[in-house]
PDB file of N, CA and C in Angstrom:
ATOM      1  N   MET A   1     -29.613  41.212 -60.368  1.00  0.00           N
ATOM      2  CA  MET A   1     -30.485  41.246 -59.206  1.00  0.00           C
ATOM      3  C   MET A   1     -31.200  42.592 -59.174  1.00  0.00           C
ATOM      4  N   HIS A   2     -32.431  42.574 -58.808  1.00  0.00           N
ATOM      5  CA  HIS A   2     -33.240  43.785 -58.731  1.00  0.00           C
ATOM      6  C   HIS A   2     -32.784  44.617 -57.537  1.00  0.00           C
ATOM      7  N   ARG A   3     -32.760  45.949 -57.671  1.00  0.00           N
ATOM      8  CA  ARG A   3     -32.247  46.842 -56.622  1.00  0.00           C
ATOM      9  C   ARG A   3     -33.123  46.830 -55.363  1.00  0.00           C
ATOM     10  N   ALA A   4     -34.400  46.554 -55.482  1.00  0.00           N
ATOM     11  CA  ALA A   4     -35.300  46.580 -54.324  1.00  0.00           C
ATOM     12  C   ALA A   4     -35.205  45.300 -53.485  1.00  0.00           C
ATOM     13  N   PHE A   5     -34.531  44.299 -54.001  1.00  0.00           N
ATOM     14  CA  PHE A   5     -34.473  43.013 -53.312  1.00  0.00           C
ATOM     15  C   PHE A   5     -33.928  43.122 -51.886  1.00  0.00           C
ATOM     16  N   PRO A   6     -32.770  43.752 -51.621  1.00  0.00           N
ATOM     17  CA  PRO A   6     -32.273  43.844 -50.239  1.00  0.00           C
ATOM     18  C   PRO A   6     -33.236  44.609 -49.328  1.00  0.00           C
ATOM     19  N   PHE A   7     -33.858  45.648 -49.850  1.00  0.00           N
ATOM     20  CA  PHE A   7     -34.816  46.403 -49.052  1.00  0.00           C
ATOM     21  C   PHE A   7     -36.005  45.528 -48.651  1.00  0.00           C
ATOM     22  N   THR A   8     -36.464  44.704 -49.572  1.00  0.00           N
ATOM     23  CA  THR A   8     -37.596  43.815 -49.303  1.00  0.00           C
ATOM     24  C   THR A   8     -37.260  42.837 -48.185  1.00  0.00           C
ATOM     25  N   ILE A   9     -36.061  42.295 -48.192  1.00  0.00           N
ATOM     26  CA  ILE A   9     -35.639  41.350 -47.148  1.00  0.00           C
ATOM     27  C   ILE A   9     -35.564  42.054 -45.799  1.00  0.00           C
ATOM     28  N   VAL A  10     -34.970  43.228 -45.753  1.00  0.00           N
ATOM     29  CA  VAL A  10     -34.853  43.985 -44.501  1.00  0.00           C
ATOM     30  C   VAL A  10     -36.243  44.350 -43.979  1.00  0.00           C
ATOM     31  N   ALA A  11     -37.122  44.806 -44.857  1.00  0.00           N
ATOM     32  CA  ALA A  11     -38.473  45.163 -44.442  1.00  0.00           C
ATOM     33  C   ALA A  11     -39.204  43.945 -43.878  1.00  0.00           C
ATOM     34  N   ALA A  12     -39.061  42.802 -44.507  1.00  0.00           N
ATOM     35  CA  ALA A  12     -39.709  41.586 -44.033  1.00  0.00           C
ATOM     36  C   ALA A  12     -39.178  41.179 -42.663  1.00  0.00           C
ATOM     37  N   LEU A  13     -37.894  41.295 -42.443  1.00  0.00           N
ATOM     38  CA  LEU A  13     -37.305  40.925 -41.155  1.00  0.00           C
ATOM     39  C   LEU A  13     -37.736  41.882 -40.051  1.00  0.00           C
ATOM     40  N   VAL A  14     -37.877  43.142 -40.370  1.00  0.00           N
ATOM     41  CA  VAL A  14     -38.315  44.127 -39.386  1.00  0.00           C
ATOM     42  C   VAL A  14     -39.778  43.901 -39.015  1.00  0.00           C
ATOM     43  N   LEU A  15     -40.597  43.518 -39.967  1.00  0.00           N
ATOM     44  CA  LEU A  15     -42.021  43.353 -39.724  1.00  0.00           C
ATOM     45  C   LEU A  15     -42.386  42.013 -39.087  1.00  0.00           C
ATOM     46  N   LEU A  16     -41.513  41.047 -39.098  1.00  0.00           N
ATOM     47  CA  LEU A  16     -41.818  39.728 -38.527  1.00  0.00           C
ATOM     48  C   LEU A  16     -42.242  39.774 -37.061  1.00  0.00           C
ATOM     49  N   PRO A  17     -41.602  40.565 -36.192  1.00  0.00           N
ATOM     50  CA  PRO A  17     -42.004  40.546 -34.788  1.00  0.00           C
ATOM     51  C   PRO A  17     -43.339  41.221 -34.486  1.00  0.00           C
ATOM     52  N   LEU A  18     -43.952  41.910 -35.413  1.00  0.00           N
ATOM     53  CA  LEU A  18     -45.170  42.663 -35.130  1.00  0.00           C
ATOM     54  C   LEU A  18     -46.313  41.840 -34.561  1.00  0.00           C
ATOM     55  N   PRO A  19     -46.604  40.634 -35.021  1.00  0.00           N
ATOM     56  CA  PRO A  19     -47.699  39.891 -34.401  1.00  0.00           C
ATOM     57  C   PRO A  19     -47.488  39.660 -32.906  1.00  0.00           C
ATOM     58  N   ALA A  20     -46.261  39.509 -32.463  1.00  0.00           N
ATOM     59  CA  ALA A  20     -45.995  39.311 -31.045  1.00  0.00           C
ATOM     60  C   ALA A  20     -46.301  40.573 -30.243  1.00  0.00           C
ATOM     61  N   LEU A  21     -46.218  41.739 -30.889  1.00  0.00           N
ATOM     62  CA  LEU A  21     -46.475  42.990 -30.200  1.00  0.00           C
ATOM     63  C   LEU A  21     -47.959  43.346 -30.184  1.00  0.00           C
ATOM     64  N   ALA A  22     -48.792  42.574 -30.844  1.00  0.00           N
ATOM     65  CA  ALA A  22     -50.198  42.903 -30.987  1.00  0.00           C
ATOM     66  C   ALA A  22     -50.990  42.671 -29.702  1.00  0.00           C
ATOM     67  N   GLY A  23     -50.445  41.986 -28.724  1.00  0.00           N
ATOM     68  CA  GLY A  23     -51.163  41.685 -27.496  1.00  0.00           C
ATOM     69  C   GLY A  23     -51.323  42.894 -26.600  1.00  0.00           C
ATOM     70  N   GLU A  24     -52.178  42.733 -25.613  1.00  0.00           N
ATOM     71  CA  GLU A  24     -52.422  43.777 -24.624  1.00  0.00           C
ATOM     72  C   GLU A  24     -52.190  43.205 -23.240  1.00  0.00           C
ATOM     73  N   THR A  25     -52.075  44.093 -22.270  1.00  0.00           N
ATOM     74  CA  THR A  25     -51.903  43.688 -20.888  1.00  0.00           C
ATOM     75  C   THR A  25     -52.898  44.440 -20.018  1.00  0.00           C
ATOM     76  N   TRP A  26     -53.530  43.728 -19.117  1.00  0.00           N
ATOM     77  CA  TRP A  26     -54.430  44.311 -18.138  1.00  0.00           C
ATOM     78  C   TRP A  26     -53.825  44.005 -16.775  1.00  0.00           C
ATOM     79  N   THR A  27     -53.567  45.038 -15.979  1.00  0.00           N
ATOM     80  CA  THR A  27     -52.866  44.889 -14.712  1.00  0.00           C
ATOM     81  C   THR A  27     -53.791  45.188 -13.533  1.00  0.00           C
ATOM     82  N   ASN A  28     -53.736  44.323 -12.534  1.00  0.00           N
ATOM     83  CA  ASN A  28     -54.480  44.494 -11.289  1.00  0.00           C
ATOM     84  C   ASN A  28     -55.980  44.693 -11.539  1.00  0.00           C
ATOM     85  N   VAL A  29     -56.550  43.803 -12.336  1.00  0.00           N
ATOM     86  CA  VAL A  29     -57.979  43.861 -12.656  1.00  0.00           C
ATOM     87  C   VAL A  29     -58.718  42.742 -11.948  1.00  0.00           C
ATOM     88  N   SER A  30     -60.018  42.920 -11.765  1.00  0.00           N
ATOM     89  CA  SER A  30     -60.837  41.936 -11.051  1.00  0.00           C
ATOM     90  C   SER A  30     -61.180  40.748 -11.935  1.00  0.00           C
ATOM     91  N   LEU A  31     -60.938  39.555 -11.408  1.00  0.00           N
ATOM     92  CA  LEU A  31     -61.328  38.312 -12.055  1.00  0.00           C
ATOM     93  C   LEU A  31     -62.745  37.977 -11.593  1.00  0.00           C
ATOM     94  N   ILE A  32     -63.659  37.794 -12.551  1.00  0.00           N
ATOM     95  CA  ILE A  32     -65.065  37.552 -12.221  1.00  0.00           C
ATOM     96  C   ILE A  32     -65.598  36.460 -13.137  1.00  0.00           C
ATOM     97  N   ASP A  33     -66.435  35.589 -12.581  1.00  0.00           N
ATOM     98  CA  ASP A  33     -67.089  34.603 -13.438  1.00  0.00           C
ATOM     99  C   ASP A  33     -68.205  35.298 -14.219  1.00  0.00           C
ATOM    100  N   SER A  34     -68.520  34.759 -15.375  1.00  0.00           N
ATOM    101  CA  SER A  34     -69.508  35.381 -16.265  1.00  0.00           C
ATOM    102  C   SER A  34     -70.891  35.491 -15.625  1.00  0.00           C
ATOM    103  N   ALA A  35     -71.262  34.517 -14.807  1.00  0.00           N
ATOM    104  CA  ALA A  35     -72.586  34.531 -14.191  1.00  0.00           C
ATOM    105  C   ALA A  35     -72.771  35.690 -13.215  1.00  0.00           C
ATOM    106  N   CYS A  36     -71.689  36.160 -12.627  1.00  0.00           N
ATOM    107  CA  CYS A  36     -71.782  37.208 -11.599  1.00  0.00           C
ATOM    108  C   CYS A  36     -71.336  38.585 -12.080  1.00  0.00           C
ATOM    109  N   GLN A  37     -70.994  38.717 -13.345  1.00  0.00           N
ATOM    110  CA  GLN A  37     -70.430  39.976 -13.815  1.00  0.00           C
ATOM    111  C   GLN A  37     -71.325  41.180 -13.541  1.00  0.00           C
ATOM    112  N   LEU A  38     -72.619  41.080 -13.753  1.00  0.00           N
ATOM    113  CA  LEU A  38     -73.516  42.216 -13.517  1.00  0.00           C
ATOM    114  C   LEU A  38     -73.764  42.440 -12.030  1.00  0.00           C
ATOM    115  N   LYS A  39     -73.846  41.345 -11.288  1.00  0.00           N
ATOM    116  CA  LYS A  39     -74.130  41.428  -9.848  1.00  0.00           C
ATOM    117  C   LYS A  39     -73.021  42.152  -9.086  1.00  0.00           C
ATOM    118  N   VAL A  40     -71.768  41.945  -9.477  1.00  0.00           N
ATOM    119  CA  VAL A  40     -70.645  42.520  -8.714  1.00  0.00           C
ATOM    120  C   VAL A  40     -69.938  43.663  -9.441  1.00  0.00           C
ATOM    121  N   LYS A  41     -70.520  44.145 -10.515  1.00  0.00           N
ATOM    122  CA  LYS A  41     -69.869  45.186 -11.319  1.00  0.00           C
ATOM    123  C   LYS A  41     -69.510  46.431 -10.498  1.00  0.00           C
ATOM    124  N   ASP A  42     -70.386  46.835  -9.583  1.00  0.00           N
ATOM    125  CA  ASP A  42     -70.139  48.039  -8.792  1.00  0.00           C
ATOM    126  C   ASP A  42     -69.193  47.808  -7.614  1.00  0.00           C
ATOM    127  N   ALA A  43     -68.993  46.564  -7.228  1.00  0.00           N
ATOM    128  CA  ALA A  43     -68.110  46.242  -6.103  1.00  0.00           C
ATOM    129  C   ALA A  43     -67.404  44.916  -6.385  1.00  0.00           C
ATOM    130  N   PRO A  44     -66.541  44.869  -7.405  1.00  0.00           N
ATOM    131  CA  PRO A  44     -65.943  43.597  -7.815  1.00  0.00           C
ATOM    132  C   PRO A  44     -65.063  42.942  -6.752  1.00  0.00           C
ATOM    133  N   ASP A  45     -64.501  43.719  -5.835  1.00  0.00           N
ATOM    134  CA  ASP A  45     -63.634  43.115  -4.822  1.00  0.00           C
ATOM    135  C   ASP A  45     -64.407  42.334  -3.771  1.00  0.00           C
ATOM    136  N   THR A  46     -65.735  42.466  -3.765  1.00  0.00           N
ATOM    137  CA  THR A  46     -66.548  41.681  -2.828  1.00  0.00           C
ATOM    138  C   THR A  46     -66.833  40.286  -3.370  1.00  0.00           C
ATOM    139  N   HIS A  47     -66.540  40.054  -4.637  1.00  0.00           N
ATOM    140  CA  HIS A  47     -66.780  38.745  -5.253  1.00  0.00           C
ATOM    141  C   HIS A  47     -65.820  37.729  -4.643  1.00  0.00           C
ATOM    142  N   THR A  48     -66.350  36.631  -4.162  1.00  0.00           N
ATOM    143  CA  THR A  48     -65.520  35.669  -3.434  1.00  0.00           C
ATOM    144  C   THR A  48     -65.003  34.550  -4.334  1.00  0.00           C
ATOM    145  N   ARG A  49     -63.929  33.958  -3.883  1.00  0.00           N
ATOM    146  CA  ARG A  49     -63.355  32.799  -4.562  1.00  0.00           C
ATOM    147  C   ARG A  49     -64.366  31.656  -4.591  1.00  0.00           C
ATOM    148  N   GLU A  50     -65.060  31.453  -3.476  1.00  0.00           N
ATOM    149  CA  GLU A  50     -66.058  30.389  -3.386  1.00  0.00           C
ATOM    150  C   GLU A  50     -67.139  30.558  -4.463  1.00  0.00           C
ATOM    151  N   CYS A  51     -67.636  31.756  -4.628  1.00  0.00           N
ATOM    152  CA  CYS A  51     -68.659  32.023  -5.636  1.00  0.00           C
ATOM    153  C   CYS A  51     -68.092  31.794  -7.043  1.00  0.00           C
ATOM    154  N   ALA A  52     -66.881  32.268  -7.278  1.00  0.00           N
ATOM    155  CA  ALA A  52     -66.256  32.100  -8.599  1.00  0.00           C
ATOM    156  C   ALA A  52     -66.084  30.623  -8.949  1.00  0.00           C
ATOM    157  N   LEU A  53     -65.783  29.802  -7.951  1.00  0.00           N
ATOM    158  CA  LEU A  53     -65.656  28.363  -8.200  1.00  0.00           C
ATOM    159  C   LEU A  53     -67.019  27.708  -8.430  1.00  0.00           C
ATOM    160  N   GLN A  54     -68.037  28.147  -7.697  1.00  0.00           N
ATOM    161  CA  GLN A  54     -69.377  27.589  -7.866  1.00  0.00           C
ATOM    162  C   GLN A  54     -69.956  27.921  -9.240  1.00  0.00           C
ATOM    163  N   CYS A  55     -69.610  29.074  -9.768  1.00  0.00           N
ATOM    164  CA  CYS A  55     -70.170  29.545 -11.039  1.00  0.00           C
ATOM    165  C   CYS A  55     -69.209  29.341 -12.209  1.00  0.00           C
ATOM    166  N   ALA A  56     -68.305  28.403 -12.088  1.00  0.00           N
ATOM    167  CA  ALA A  56     -67.252  28.200 -13.084  1.00  0.00           C
ATOM    168  C   ALA A  56     -67.768  27.806 -14.461  1.00  0.00           C
ATOM    169  N   GLY A  57     -68.943  27.210 -14.543  1.00  0.00           N
ATOM    170  CA  GLY A  57     -69.457  26.702 -15.811  1.00  0.00           C
ATOM    171  C   GLY A  57     -69.625  27.742 -16.903  1.00  0.00           C
ATOM    172  N   GLY A  58     -69.862  28.980 -16.520  1.00  0.00           N
ATOM    173  CA  GLY A  58     -70.060  30.047 -17.505  1.00  0.00           C
ATOM    174  C   GLY A  58     -68.785  30.688 -17.991  1.00  0.00           C
ATOM    175  N   GLY A  59     -67.670  30.320 -17.386  1.00  0.00           N
ATOM    176  CA  GLY A  59     -66.393  30.892 -17.779  1.00  0.00           C
ATOM    177  C   GLY A  59     -66.040  32.125 -16.952  1.00  0.00           C
ATOM    178  N   TYR A  60     -64.894  32.674 -17.269  1.00  0.00           N
ATOM    179  CA  TYR A  60     -64.343  33.791 -16.516  1.00  0.00           C
ATOM    180  C   TYR A  60     -63.977  34.936 -17.449  1.00  0.00           C
ATOM    181  N   GLY A  61     -63.691  36.057 -16.797  1.00  0.00           N
ATOM    182  CA  GLY A  61     -63.233  37.229 -17.522  1.00  0.00           C
ATOM    183  C   GLY A  61     -62.778  38.271 -16.524  1.00  0.00           C
ATOM    184  N   ILE A  62     -62.537  39.460 -17.036  1.00  0.00           N
ATOM    185  CA  ILE A  62     -62.079  40.554 -16.179  1.00  0.00           C
ATOM    186  C   ILE A  62     -62.984  41.756 -16.364  1.00  0.00           C
ATOM    187  N   LEU A  63     -62.974  42.593 -15.366  1.00  0.00           N
ATOM    188  CA  LEU A  63     -63.644  43.870 -15.455  1.00  0.00           C
ATOM    189  C   LEU A  63     -62.558  44.892 -15.772  1.00  0.00           C
ATOM    190  N   ALA A  64     -62.552  45.391 -17.002  1.00  0.00           N
ATOM    191  CA  ALA A  64     -61.525  46.339 -17.446  1.00  0.00           C
ATOM    192  C   ALA A  64     -61.725  47.690 -16.752  1.00  0.00           C
ATOM    193  N   ALA A  65     -60.730  48.531 -16.827  1.00  0.00           N
ATOM    194  CA  ALA A  65     -60.759  49.841 -16.173  1.00  0.00           C
ATOM    195  C   ALA A  65     -61.948  50.690 -16.611  1.00  0.00           C
ATOM    196  N   ASP A  66     -62.397  50.523 -17.848  1.00  0.00           N
ATOM    197  CA  ASP A  66     -63.526  51.316 -18.349  1.00  0.00           C
ATOM    198  C   ASP A  66     -64.880  50.695 -18.001  1.00  0.00           C
ATOM    199  N   GLY A  67     -64.884  49.610 -17.210  1.00  0.00           N
ATOM    200  CA  GLY A  67     -66.119  48.971 -16.795  1.00  0.00           C
ATOM    201  C   GLY A  67     -66.615  47.878 -17.729  1.00  0.00           C
ATOM    202  N   THR A  68     -65.898  47.636 -18.812  1.00  0.00           N
ATOM    203  CA  THR A  68     -66.264  46.603 -19.773  1.00  0.00           C
ATOM    204  C   THR A  68     -65.876  45.231 -19.239  1.00  0.00           C
ATOM    205  N   TYR A  69     -66.788  44.268 -19.383  1.00  0.00           N
ATOM    206  CA  TYR A  69     -66.464  42.890 -19.015  1.00  0.00           C
ATOM    207  C   TYR A  69     -65.884  42.201 -20.242  1.00  0.00           C
ATOM    208  N   LEU A  70     -64.678  41.676 -20.107  1.00  0.00           N
ATOM    209  CA  LEU A  70     -63.998  40.984 -21.194  1.00  0.00           C
ATOM    210  C   LEU A  70     -63.890  39.512 -20.834  1.00  0.00           C
ATOM    211  N   ARG A  71     -64.481  38.655 -21.661  1.00  0.00           N
ATOM    212  CA  ARG A  71     -64.487  37.203 -21.430  1.00  0.00           C
ATOM    213  C   ARG A  71     -63.157  36.579 -21.841  1.00  0.00           C
ATOM    214  N   PHE A  72     -62.829  35.480 -21.192  1.00  0.00           N
ATOM    215  CA  PHE A  72     -61.642  34.709 -21.552  1.00  0.00           C
ATOM    216  C   PHE A  72     -61.998  33.649 -22.587  1.00  0.00           C
ATOM    217  N   ASP A  73     -61.029  33.295 -23.395  1.00  0.00           N
ATOM    218  CA  ASP A  73     -61.162  32.148 -24.283  1.00  0.00           C
ATOM    219  C   ASP A  73     -61.025  30.872 -23.445  1.00  0.00           C
ATOM    220  N   LYS A  74     -61.119  29.715 -24.069  1.00  0.00           N
ATOM    221  CA  LYS A  74     -61.059  28.443 -23.337  1.00  0.00           C
ATOM    222  C   LYS A  74     -59.765  28.302 -22.546  1.00  0.00           C
ATOM    223  N   ALA A  75     -58.644  28.656 -23.154  1.00  0.00           N
ATOM    224  CA  ALA A  75     -57.357  28.559 -22.452  1.00  0.00           C
ATOM    225  C   ALA A  75     -57.347  29.457 -21.219  1.00  0.00           C
ATOM    226  N   GLY A  76     -57.897  30.647 -21.347  1.00  0.00           N
ATOM    227  CA  GLY A  76     -57.965  31.566 -20.210  1.00  0.00           C
ATOM    228  C   GLY A  76     -58.874  31.042 -19.119  1.00  0.00           C
ATOM    229  N   ASN A  77     -60.006  30.461 -19.510  1.00  0.00           N
ATOM    230  CA  ASN A  77     -60.909  29.876 -18.515  1.00  0.00           C
ATOM    231  C   ASN A  77     -60.234  28.738 -17.763  1.00  0.00           C
ATOM    232  N   ASP A  78     -59.504  27.904 -18.472  1.00  0.00           N
ATOM    233  CA  ASP A  78     -58.784  26.799 -17.830  1.00  0.00           C
ATOM    234  C   ASP A  78     -57.736  27.329 -16.848  1.00  0.00           C
ATOM    235  N   LYS A  79     -57.008  28.367 -17.249  1.00  0.00           N
ATOM    236  CA  LYS A  79     -55.989  28.966 -16.369  1.00  0.00           C
ATOM    237  C   LYS A  79     -56.632  29.598 -15.138  1.00  0.00           C
ATOM    238  N   ALA A  80     -57.743  30.303 -15.344  1.00  0.00           N
ATOM    239  CA  ALA A  80     -58.431  30.953 -14.229  1.00  0.00           C
ATOM    240  C   ALA A  80     -58.947  29.927 -13.227  1.00  0.00           C
ATOM    241  N   LEU A  81     -59.552  28.855 -13.710  1.00  0.00           N
ATOM    242  CA  LEU A  81     -60.083  27.819 -12.831  1.00  0.00           C
ATOM    243  C   LEU A  81     -58.960  27.157 -12.029  1.00  0.00           C
ATOM    244  N   ALA A  82     -57.865  26.844 -12.682  1.00  0.00           N
ATOM    245  CA  ALA A  82     -56.721  26.240 -11.979  1.00  0.00           C
ATOM    246  C   ALA A  82     -56.164  27.202 -10.934  1.00  0.00           C
ATOM    247  N   MET A  83     -56.073  28.466 -11.275  1.00  0.00           N
ATOM    248  CA  MET A  83     -55.553  29.465 -10.346  1.00  0.00           C
ATOM    249  C   MET A  83     -56.477  29.601  -9.136  1.00  0.00           C
ATOM    250  N   LEU A  84     -57.781  29.649  -9.372  1.00  0.00           N
ATOM    251  CA  LEU A  84     -58.729  29.771  -8.261  1.00  0.00           C
ATOM    252  C   LEU A  84     -58.701  28.548  -7.357  1.00  0.00           C
ATOM    253  N   ARG A  85     -58.601  27.361  -7.942  1.00  0.00           N
ATOM    254  CA  ARG A  85     -58.535  26.131  -7.134  1.00  0.00           C
ATOM    255  C   ARG A  85     -57.297  26.100  -6.242  1.00  0.00           C
ATOM    256  N   ALA A  86     -56.186  26.651  -6.728  1.00  0.00           N
ATOM    257  CA  ALA A  86     -54.935  26.639  -5.971  1.00  0.00           C
ATOM    258  C   ALA A  86     -54.824  27.801  -4.981  1.00  0.00           C
ATOM    259  N   SER A  87     -55.674  28.784  -5.117  1.00  0.00           N
ATOM    260  CA  SER A  87     -55.588  29.999  -4.319  1.00  0.00           C
ATOM    261  C   SER A  87     -56.178  29.832  -2.927  1.00  0.00           C
ATOM    262  N   LYS A  88     -55.660  30.590  -1.995  1.00  0.00           N
ATOM    263  CA  LYS A  88     -56.209  30.670  -0.644  1.00  0.00           C
ATOM    264  C   LYS A  88     -56.916  32.017  -0.442  1.00  0.00           C
ATOM    265  N   THR A  89     -56.873  32.878  -1.455  1.00  0.00           N
ATOM    266  CA  THR A  89     -57.483  34.200  -1.372  1.00  0.00           C
ATOM    267  C   THR A  89     -58.998  34.070  -1.264  1.00  0.00           C
ATOM    268  N   ARG A  90     -59.589  34.787  -0.334  1.00  0.00           N
ATOM    269  CA  ARG A  90     -61.029  34.706  -0.094  1.00  0.00           C
ATOM    270  C   ARG A  90     -61.826  35.621  -1.024  1.00  0.00           C
ATOM    271  N   ASP A  91     -61.365  36.828  -1.229  1.00  0.00           N
ATOM    272  CA  ASP A  91     -62.021  37.793  -2.113  1.00  0.00           C
ATOM    273  C   ASP A  91     -60.942  38.716  -2.688  1.00  0.00           C
ATOM    274  N   HIS A  92     -61.319  39.839  -3.260  1.00  0.00           N
ATOM    275  CA  HIS A  92     -60.346  40.703  -3.949  1.00  0.00           C
ATOM    276  C   HIS A  92     -59.557  39.876  -4.968  1.00  0.00           C
ATOM    277  N   LEU A  93     -60.267  39.242  -5.866  1.00  0.00           N
ATOM    278  CA  LEU A  93     -59.658  38.357  -6.862  1.00  0.00           C
ATOM    279  C   LEU A  93     -59.056  39.203  -7.983  1.00  0.00           C
ATOM    280  N   ARG A  94     -57.840  39.629  -7.785  1.00  0.00           N
ATOM    281  CA  ARG A  94     -57.151  40.503  -8.734  1.00  0.00           C
ATOM    282  C   ARG A  94     -56.109  39.716  -9.513  1.00  0.00           C
ATOM    283  N   VAL A  95     -55.983  40.053 -10.804  1.00  0.00           N
ATOM    284  CA  VAL A  95     -55.063  39.347 -11.690  1.00  0.00           C
ATOM    285  C   VAL A  95     -54.381  40.315 -12.658  1.00  0.00           C
ATOM    286  N   ASN A  96     -53.313  39.823 -13.243  1.00  0.00           N
ATOM    287  CA  ASN A  96     -52.670  40.444 -14.395  1.00  0.00           C
ATOM    288  C   ASN A  96     -52.903  39.500 -15.563  1.00  0.00           C
ATOM    289  N   VAL A  97     -53.333  40.046 -16.682  1.00  0.00           N
ATOM    290  CA  VAL A  97     -53.648  39.244 -17.858  1.00  0.00           C
ATOM    291  C   VAL A  97     -52.930  39.834 -19.061  1.00  0.00           C
ATOM    292  N   SER A  98     -52.401  38.956 -19.904  1.00  0.00           N
ATOM    293  CA  SER A  98     -51.891  39.415 -21.195  1.00  0.00           C
ATOM    294  C   SER A  98     -52.485  38.506 -22.264  1.00  0.00           C
ATOM    295  N   GLY A  99     -52.742  39.089 -23.409  1.00  0.00           N
ATOM    296  CA  GLY A  99     -53.321  38.332 -24.508  1.00  0.00           C
ATOM    297  C   GLY A  99     -53.793  39.257 -25.603  1.00  0.00           C
ATOM    298  N   GLU A 100     -54.502  38.686 -26.523  1.00  0.00           N
ATOM    299  CA  GLU A 100     -55.006  39.457 -27.657  1.00  0.00           C
ATOM    300  C   GLU A 100     -56.515  39.620 -27.529  1.00  0.00           C
ATOM    301  N   ARG A 101     -56.945  40.870 -27.542  1.00  0.00           N
ATOM    302  CA  ARG A 101     -58.375  41.164 -27.440  1.00  0.00           C
ATOM    303  C   ARG A 101     -59.018  41.061 -28.822  1.00  0.00           C
ATOM    304  N   LYS A 102     -60.105  40.310 -28.866  1.00  0.00           N
ATOM    305  CA  LYS A 102     -60.893  40.166 -30.085  1.00  0.00           C
ATOM    306  C   LYS A 102     -62.325  40.500 -29.720  1.00  0.00           C
ATOM    307  N   GLY A 103     -62.730  41.740 -29.930  1.00  0.00           N
ATOM    308  CA  GLY A 103     -64.052  42.190 -29.504  1.00  0.00           C
ATOM    309  C   GLY A 103     -64.121  42.240 -27.995  1.00  0.00           C
ATOM    310  N   THR A 104     -65.010  41.439 -27.416  1.00  0.00           N
ATOM    311  CA  THR A 104     -65.128  41.397 -25.955  1.00  0.00           C
ATOM    312  C   THR A 104     -64.549  40.109 -25.376  1.00  0.00           C
ATOM    313  N   THR A 105     -63.686  39.455 -26.144  1.00  0.00           N
ATOM    314  CA  THR A 105     -63.033  38.226 -25.685  1.00  0.00           C
ATOM    315  C   THR A 105     -61.524  38.415 -25.708  1.00  0.00           C
ATOM    316  N   ILE A 106     -60.857  37.853 -24.721  1.00  0.00           N
ATOM    317  CA  ILE A 106     -59.397  37.868 -24.672  1.00  0.00           C
ATOM    318  C   ILE A 106     -58.881  36.460 -24.928  1.00  0.00           C
ATOM    319  N   ALA A 107     -58.017  36.327 -25.931  1.00  0.00           N
ATOM    320  CA  ALA A 107     -57.271  35.083 -26.131  1.00  0.00           C
ATOM    321  C   ALA A 107     -56.099  35.176 -25.158  1.00  0.00           C
ATOM    322  N   VAL A 108     -56.227  34.533 -24.017  1.00  0.00           N
ATOM    323  CA  VAL A 108     -55.296  34.694 -22.899  1.00  0.00           C
ATOM    324  C   VAL A 108     -53.970  33.993 -23.183  1.00  0.00           C
ATOM    325  N   ALA A 109     -52.899  34.778 -23.084  1.00  0.00           N
ATOM    326  CA  ALA A 109     -51.549  34.221 -23.213  1.00  0.00           C
ATOM    327  C   ALA A 109     -50.993  33.909 -21.822  1.00  0.00           C
ATOM    328  N   SER A 110     -51.238  34.809 -20.855  1.00  0.00           N
ATOM    329  CA  SER A 110     -50.774  34.557 -19.491  1.00  0.00           C
ATOM    330  C   SER A 110     -51.773  35.148 -18.497  1.00  0.00           C
ATOM    331  N   LEU A 111     -51.832  34.521 -17.342  1.00  0.00           N
ATOM    332  CA  LEU A 111     -52.723  34.939 -16.267  1.00  0.00           C
ATOM    333  C   LEU A 111     -51.999  34.683 -14.960  1.00  0.00           C
ATOM    334  N   GLU A 112     -51.907  35.715 -14.129  1.00  0.00           N
ATOM    335  CA  GLU A 112     -51.247  35.534 -12.834  1.00  0.00           C
ATOM    336  C   GLU A 112     -52.026  36.285 -11.755  1.00  0.00           C
ATOM    337  N   ALA A 113     -52.066  35.704 -10.572  1.00  0.00           N
ATOM    338  CA  ALA A 113     -52.730  36.326  -9.428  1.00  0.00           C
ATOM    339  C   ALA A 113     -51.906  37.513  -8.965  1.00  0.00           C
ATOM    340  N   ARG A 114     -52.591  38.492  -8.433  1.00  0.00           N
ATOM    341  CA  ARG A 114     -51.936  39.666  -7.864  1.00  0.00           C
ATOM    342  C   ARG A 114     -51.811  39.527  -6.379  1.00  0.00           C
TER     343      ARG A 114
END
């Protein structure tokens, strides 16, 4: 048996969990529909649930801490729409999001209201 064989197995087992750690988390960020992102950028907490539901066709995303608008993937849009429909919150649409960022899009793994 080659001497490097056990090391290779250990290295492979250690590296297996890395893809799960590749995600990011955004905490207490504003949920905004794509159609209104520029309109409410300076005052995102004024964006209402009613408006977000009316403009659902363009999808959803968040306004990150640095002011960047990050769009959701299809799964994230579906989660956001379901959450908004079930919500009684009028404005201050804040969420926690986890997922993998790919450019300006988030592949949403989880989405929860704040």
